[in-house]
């Protein structure tokens, strides 16, 4: 039952975040949609690679300083 809950929870979070909605879970933190722009990455050997843009899900933990 625990695995089913985690699977269902992650599907709901993913769907809502991909709709660009923030999902906030009290006591834990929030999940957000982020779009990362295209950028150049240079390696130590001098090789330069263009990294493509991508959409990601980020997590920001809740600040619980009172605990």
PDB file of N, CA and C in Angstrom:
ATOM      1  N   UNK A   1       0.821  -1.187   0.000  1.00  0.00           N
ATOM      2  CA  UNK A   1       0.000   0.000   0.000  1.00  0.00           C
ATOM      3  C   UNK A   1       0.872   1.261   0.000  1.00  0.00           C
ATOM      4  N   UNK A   2       1.999   1.222   0.701  1.00  0.00           N
ATOM      5  CA  UNK A   2       2.913   2.359   0.756  1.00  0.00           C
ATOM      6  C   UNK A   2       3.431   2.700  -0.638  1.00  0.00           C
ATOM      7  N   UNK A   3       3.826   1.702  -1.408  1.00  0.00           N
ATOM      8  CA  UNK A   3       4.340   1.930  -2.766  1.00  0.00           C
ATOM      9  C   UNK A   3       3.272   2.515  -3.677  1.00  0.00           C
ATOM     10  N   UNK A   4       2.025   2.061  -3.519  1.00  0.00           N
ATOM     11  CA  UNK A   4       0.925   2.586  -4.328  1.00  0.00           C
ATOM     12  C   UNK A   4       0.688   4.062  -4.024  1.00  0.00           C
ATOM     13  N   UNK A   5       0.775   4.431  -2.735  1.00  0.00           N
ATOM     14  CA  UNK A   5       0.591   5.831  -2.356  1.00  0.00           C
ATOM     15  C   UNK A   5       1.683   6.698  -2.961  1.00  0.00           C
ATOM     16  N   UNK A   6       2.937   6.269  -2.836  1.00  0.00           N
ATOM     17  CA  UNK A   6       4.062   7.040  -3.373  1.00  0.00           C
ATOM     18  C   UNK A   6       3.928   7.201  -4.879  1.00  0.00           C
ATOM     19  N   UNK A   7       3.540   6.141  -5.567  1.00  0.00           N
ATOM     20  CA  UNK A   7       3.375   6.200  -7.023  1.00  0.00           C
ATOM     21  C   UNK A   7       2.260   7.182  -7.389  1.00  0.00           C
ATOM     22  N   UNK A   8       1.115   7.113  -6.720  1.00  0.00           N
ATOM     23  CA  UNK A   8      -0.006   8.006  -6.998  1.00  0.00           C
ATOM     24  C   UNK A   8       0.360   9.458  -6.663  1.00  0.00           C
ATOM     25  N   UNK A   9       1.036   9.656  -5.533  1.00  0.00           N
ATOM     26  CA  UNK A   9       1.449  11.002  -5.133  1.00  0.00           C
ATOM     27  C   UNK A   9       2.379  11.613  -6.169  1.00  0.00           C
ATOM     28  N   UNK A  10       3.369  10.850  -6.612  1.00  0.00           N
ATOM     29  CA  UNK A  10       4.322  11.386  -7.588  1.00  0.00           C
ATOM     30  C   UNK A  10       3.651  11.694  -8.920  1.00  0.00           C
ATOM     31  N   UNK A  11       2.671  10.897  -9.329  1.00  0.00           N
ATOM     32  CA  UNK A  11       1.947  11.162 -10.580  1.00  0.00           C
ATOM     33  C   UNK A  11       1.147  12.453 -10.482  1.00  0.00           C
ATOM     34  N   UNK A  12       0.484  12.669  -9.348  1.00  0.00           N
ATOM     35  CA  UNK A  12      -0.304  13.894  -9.154  1.00  0.00           C
ATOM     36  C   UNK A  12       0.606  15.119  -9.144  1.00  0.00           C
ATOM     37  N   UNK A  13       1.718  15.032  -8.423  1.00  0.00           N
ATOM     38  CA  UNK A  13       2.658  16.155  -8.373  1.00  0.00           C
ATOM     39  C   UNK A  13       3.191  16.449  -9.768  1.00  0.00           C
ATOM     40  N   UNK A  14       3.612  15.426 -10.498  1.00  0.00           N
ATOM     41  CA  UNK A  14       4.167  15.618 -11.841  1.00  0.00           C
ATOM     42  C   UNK A  14       3.147  16.266 -12.771  1.00  0.00           C
ATOM     43  N   UNK A  15       1.906  15.784 -12.752  1.00  0.00           N
ATOM     44  CA  UNK A  15       0.871  16.347 -13.622  1.00  0.00           C
ATOM     45  C   UNK A  15       0.616  17.821 -13.317  1.00  0.00           C
ATOM     46  N   UNK A  16       0.494  18.153 -12.048  1.00  0.00           N
ATOM     47  CA  UNK A  16       0.206  19.539 -11.671  1.00  0.00           C
ATOM     48  C   UNK A  16       1.375  20.470 -11.968  1.00  0.00           C
ATOM     49  N   UNK A  17       2.580  20.012 -11.722  1.00  0.00           N
ATOM     50  CA  UNK A  17       3.742  20.861 -11.979  1.00  0.00           C
ATOM     51  C   UNK A  17       3.933  21.063 -13.477  1.00  0.00           C
ATOM     52  N   UNK A  18       3.688  20.039 -14.283  1.00  0.00           N
ATOM     53  CA  UNK A  18       3.817  20.193 -15.726  1.00  0.00           C
ATOM     54  C   UNK A  18       2.746  21.131 -16.291  1.00  0.00           C
ATOM     55  N   UNK A  19       1.660  21.331 -15.551  1.00  0.00           N
ATOM     56  CA  UNK A  19       0.661  22.348 -15.915  1.00  0.00           C
ATOM     57  C   UNK A  19       1.074  23.720 -15.389  1.00  0.00           C
ATOM     58  N   UNK A  20       2.299  23.788 -14.868  1.00  0.00           N
ATOM     59  CA  UNK A  20       2.913  25.006 -14.331  1.00  0.00           C
ATOM     60  C   UNK A  20       2.230  25.494 -13.062  1.00  0.00           C
ATOM     61  N   UNK A  21       1.650  24.558 -12.293  1.00  0.00           N
ATOM     62  CA  UNK A  21       1.079  24.863 -10.988  1.00  0.00           C
ATOM     63  C   UNK A  21       2.079  24.475  -9.914  1.00  0.00           C
ATOM     64  N   UNK A  22       2.197  25.285  -8.885  1.00  0.00           N
ATOM     65  CA  UNK A  22       3.062  24.930  -7.752  1.00  0.00           C
ATOM     66  C   UNK A  22       2.294  23.990  -6.842  1.00  0.00           C
ATOM     67  N   UNK A  23       2.960  22.950  -6.346  1.00  0.00           N
ATOM     68  CA  UNK A  23       2.346  22.006  -5.415  1.00  0.00           C
ATOM     69  C   UNK A  23       3.055  22.159  -4.083  1.00  0.00           C
ATOM     70  N   UNK A  24       2.303  22.580  -3.071  1.00  0.00           N
ATOM     71  CA  UNK A  24       2.886  22.791  -1.748  1.00  0.00           C
ATOM     72  C   UNK A  24       2.337  21.737  -0.796  1.00  0.00           C
ATOM     73  N   UNK A  25       3.245  21.051  -0.096  1.00  0.00           N
ATOM     74  CA  UNK A  25       2.887  20.032   0.876  1.00  0.00           C
ATOM     75  C   UNK A  25       3.283  20.558   2.243  1.00  0.00           C
ATOM     76  N   UNK A  26       2.282  20.807   3.097  1.00  0.00           N
ATOM     77  CA  UNK A  26       2.542  21.370   4.425  1.00  0.00           C
ATOM     78  C   UNK A  26       3.503  20.491   5.212  1.00  0.00           C
ATOM     79  N   UNK A  27       4.501  21.115   5.807  1.00  0.00           N
ATOM     80  CA  UNK A  27       5.467  20.411   6.617  1.00  0.00           C
ATOM     81  C   UNK A  27       6.616  19.796   5.837  1.00  0.00           C
ATOM     82  N   UNK A  28       6.532  19.807   4.513  1.00  0.00           N
ATOM     83  CA  UNK A  28       7.585  19.199   3.685  1.00  0.00           C
ATOM     84  C   UNK A  28       8.238  20.233   2.786  1.00  0.00           C
ATOM     85  N   UNK A  29       7.470  20.871   1.909  1.00  0.00           N
ATOM     86  CA  UNK A  29       8.012  21.864   0.990  1.00  0.00           C
ATOM     87  C   UNK A  29       7.144  22.008  -0.237  1.00  0.00           C
ATOM     88  N   UNK A  30       7.728  22.560  -1.312  1.00  0.00           N
ATOM     89  CA  UNK A  30       6.943  22.782  -2.521  1.00  0.00           C
ATOM     90  C   UNK A  30       7.695  22.306  -3.762  1.00  0.00           C
ATOM     91  N   UNK A  31       6.916  21.856  -4.731  1.00  0.00           N
ATOM     92  CA  UNK A  31       7.413  21.423  -6.027  1.00  0.00           C
ATOM     93  C   UNK A  31       7.030  22.496  -7.037  1.00  0.00           C
ATOM     94  N   UNK A  32       7.978  22.859  -7.914  1.00  0.00           N
ATOM     95  CA  UNK A  32       7.734  23.931  -8.874  1.00  0.00           C
ATOM     96  C   UNK A  32       8.255  23.559 -10.253  1.00  0.00           C
ATOM     97  N   UNK A  33       7.646  24.162 -11.277  1.00  0.00           N
ATOM     98  CA  UNK A  33       8.077  24.013 -12.664  1.00  0.00           C
ATOM     99  C   UNK A  33       9.166  25.042 -12.947  1.00  0.00           C
ATOM    100  N   UNK A  34      10.246  24.610 -13.567  1.00  0.00           N
ATOM    101  CA  UNK A  34      11.313  25.531 -13.979  1.00  0.00           C
ATOM    102  C   UNK A  34      11.691  25.256 -15.425  1.00  0.00           C
ATOM    103  N   UNK A  35      11.838  26.327 -16.199  1.00  0.00           N
ATOM    104  CA  UNK A  35      12.323  26.203 -17.577  1.00  0.00           C
ATOM    105  C   UNK A  35      13.764  26.690 -17.589  1.00  0.00           C
ATOM    106  N   UNK A  36      14.662  25.842 -18.031  1.00  0.00           N
ATOM    107  CA  UNK A  36      16.072  26.217 -18.114  1.00  0.00           C
ATOM    108  C   UNK A  36      16.399  26.561 -19.556  1.00  0.00           C
ATOM    109  N   UNK A  37      17.016  27.714 -19.756  1.00  0.00           N
ATOM    110  CA  UNK A  37      17.355  28.185 -21.093  1.00  0.00           C
ATOM    111  C   UNK A  37      18.562  27.436 -21.650  1.00  0.00           C
ATOM    112  N   UNK A  38      18.733  27.538 -22.945  1.00  0.00           N
ATOM    113  CA  UNK A  38      19.894  26.976 -23.626  1.00  0.00           C
ATOM    114  C   UNK A  38      21.150  27.712 -23.161  1.00  0.00           C
ATOM    115  N   UNK A  39      22.266  26.974 -22.986  1.00  0.00           N
ATOM    116  CA  UNK A  39      23.508  27.616 -22.580  1.00  0.00           C
ATOM    117  C   UNK A  39      24.709  26.840 -23.104  1.00  0.00           C
ATOM    118  N   UNK A  40      25.859  27.506 -23.088  1.00  0.00           N
ATOM    119  CA  UNK A  40      27.103  26.871 -23.516  1.00  0.00           C
ATOM    120  C   UNK A  40      27.841  26.341 -22.297  1.00  0.00           C
ATOM    121  N   UNK A  41      28.389  25.134 -22.430  1.00  0.00           N
ATOM    122  CA  UNK A  41      29.189  24.538 -21.367  1.00  0.00           C
ATOM    123  C   UNK A  41      30.579  24.282 -21.917  1.00  0.00           C
ATOM    124  N   UNK A  42      31.583  24.757 -21.203  1.00  0.00           N
ATOM    125  CA  UNK A  42      32.963  24.551 -21.641  1.00  0.00           C
ATOM    126  C   UNK A  42      33.647  23.582 -20.676  1.00  0.00           C
ATOM    127  N   UNK A  43      34.206  22.524 -21.255  1.00  0.00           N
ATOM    128  CA  UNK A  43      34.906  21.522 -20.465  1.00  0.00           C
ATOM    129  C   UNK A  43      36.357  21.938 -20.245  1.00  0.00           C
ATOM    130  N   UNK A  44      37.036  21.257 -19.321  1.00  0.00           N
ATOM    131  CA  UNK A  44      38.430  21.574 -18.983  1.00  0.00           C
ATOM    132  C   UNK A  44      39.366  21.441 -20.181  1.00  0.00           C
ATOM    133  N   UNK A  45      39.028  20.540 -21.116  1.00  0.00           N
ATOM    134  CA  UNK A  45      39.890  20.341 -22.282  1.00  0.00           C
ATOM    135  C   UNK A  45      39.649  21.392 -23.376  1.00  0.00           C
ATOM    136  N   UNK A  46      38.762  22.379 -23.117  1.00  0.00           N
ATOM    137  CA  UNK A  46      38.502  23.443 -24.071  1.00  0.00           C
ATOM    138  C   UNK A  46      37.315  23.196 -24.987  1.00  0.00           C
ATOM    139  N   UNK A  47      36.780  21.997 -24.950  1.00  0.00           N
ATOM    140  CA  UNK A  47      35.621  21.660 -25.780  1.00  0.00           C
ATOM    141  C   UNK A  47      34.392  22.430 -25.307  1.00  0.00           C
ATOM    142  N   UNK A  48      33.662  23.024 -26.245  1.00  0.00           N
ATOM    143  CA  UNK A  48      32.455  23.793 -25.933  1.00  0.00           C
ATOM    144  C   UNK A  48      31.252  23.047 -26.505  1.00  0.00           C
ATOM    145  N   UNK A  49      30.250  22.864 -25.663  1.00  0.00           N
ATOM    146  CA  UNK A  49      29.043  22.141 -26.056  1.00  0.00           C
ATOM    147  C   UNK A  49      27.835  23.021 -25.762  1.00  0.00           C
ATOM    148  N   UNK A  50      26.890  23.063 -26.686  1.00  0.00           N
ATOM    149  CA  UNK A  50      25.659  23.814 -26.480  1.00  0.00           C
ATOM    150  C   UNK A  50      24.645  22.883 -25.806  1.00  0.00           C
ATOM    151  N   UNK A  51      24.236  23.237 -24.604  1.00  0.00           N
ATOM    152  CA  UNK A  51      23.266  22.441 -23.856  1.00  0.00           C
ATOM    153  C   UNK A  51      21.857  22.919 -24.234  1.00  0.00           C
ATOM    154  N   UNK A  52      20.965  22.000 -24.567  1.00  0.00           N
ATOM    155  CA  UNK A  52      19.622  22.385 -25.006  1.00  0.00           C
ATOM    156  C   UNK A  52      18.757  22.876 -23.841  1.00  0.00           C
ATOM    157  N   UNK A  53      17.709  23.634 -24.150  1.00  0.00           N
ATOM    158  CA  UNK A  53      16.790  24.052 -23.095  1.00  0.00           C
ATOM    159  C   UNK A  53      16.018  22.836 -22.591  1.00  0.00           C
ATOM    160  N   UNK A  54      15.558  22.919 -21.335  1.00  0.00           N
ATOM    161  CA  UNK A  54      14.771  21.810 -20.799  1.00  0.00           C
ATOM    162  C   UNK A  54      13.853  22.297 -19.693  1.00  0.00           C
ATOM    163  N   UNK A  55      12.793  21.551 -19.489  1.00  0.00           N
ATOM    164  CA  UNK A  55      11.854  21.810 -18.407  1.00  0.00           C
ATOM    165  C   UNK A  55      12.149  20.822 -17.289  1.00  0.00           C
ATOM    166  N   UNK A  56      12.161  21.309 -16.052  1.00  0.00           N
ATOM    167  CA  UNK A  56      12.451  20.455 -14.912  1.00  0.00           C
ATOM    168  C   UNK A  56      11.476  20.729 -13.777  1.00  0.00           C
ATOM    169  N   UNK A  57      11.439  19.809 -12.840  1.00  0.00           N
ATOM    170  CA  UNK A  57      10.677  19.975 -11.611  1.00  0.00           C
ATOM    171  C   UNK A  57      11.688  20.187 -10.500  1.00  0.00           C
ATOM    172  N   UNK A  58      11.516  21.261  -9.726  1.00  0.00           N
ATOM    173  CA  UNK A  58      12.410  21.520  -8.608  1.00  0.00           C
ATOM    174  C   UNK A  58      11.646  21.371  -7.301  1.00  0.00           C
ATOM    175  N   UNK A  59      12.378  21.080  -6.245  1.00  0.00           N
ATOM    176  CA  UNK A  59      11.792  20.941  -4.913  1.00  0.00           C
ATOM    177  C   UNK A  59      12.471  21.912  -3.975  1.00  0.00           C
ATOM    178  N   UNK A  60      11.689  22.673  -3.228  1.00  0.00           N
ATOM    179  CA  UNK A  60      12.225  23.590  -2.231  1.00  0.00           C
ATOM    180  C   UNK A  60      11.669  23.183  -0.872  1.00  0.00           C
ATOM    181  N   UNK A  61      12.543  22.712   0.037  1.00  0.00           N
ATOM    182  CA  UNK A  61      12.048  22.266   1.342  1.00  0.00           C
ATOM    183  C   UNK A  61      11.494  23.426   2.160  1.00  0.00           C
ATOM    184  N   UNK A  62      10.542  23.101   3.020  1.00  0.00           N
ATOM    185  CA  UNK A  62       9.961  24.111   3.894  1.00  0.00           C
ATOM    186  C   UNK A  62      10.970  24.470   4.967  1.00  0.00           C
ATOM    187  N   UNK A  63      11.023  25.740   5.302  1.00  0.00           N
ATOM    188  CA  UNK A  63      11.963  26.220   6.310  1.00  0.00           C
ATOM    189  C   UNK A  63      11.358  26.038   7.682  1.00  0.00           C
ATOM    190  N   UNK A  64      11.822  25.032   8.441  1.00  0.00           N
ATOM    191  CA  UNK A  64      11.283  24.735   9.767  1.00  0.00           C
ATOM    192  C   UNK A  64      12.300  25.122  10.841  1.00  0.00           C
ATOM    193  N   UNK A  65      12.497  26.415  11.034  1.00  0.00           N
ATOM    194  CA  UNK A  65      13.465  26.865  12.028  1.00  0.00           C
ATOM    195  C   UNK A  65      12.941  26.730  13.453  1.00  0.00           C
ATOM    196  N   UNK A  66      11.632  26.640  13.614  1.00  0.00           N
ATOM    197  CA  UNK A  66      11.045  26.541  14.944  1.00  0.00           C
ATOM    198  C   UNK A  66      11.105  25.151  15.546  1.00  0.00           C
ATOM    199  N   UNK A  67      11.605  24.181  14.816  1.00  0.00           N
ATOM    200  CA  UNK A  67      11.631  22.794  15.326  1.00  0.00           C
ATOM    201  C   UNK A  67      12.895  22.547  16.105  1.00  0.00           C
TER     202      UNK A  67
END
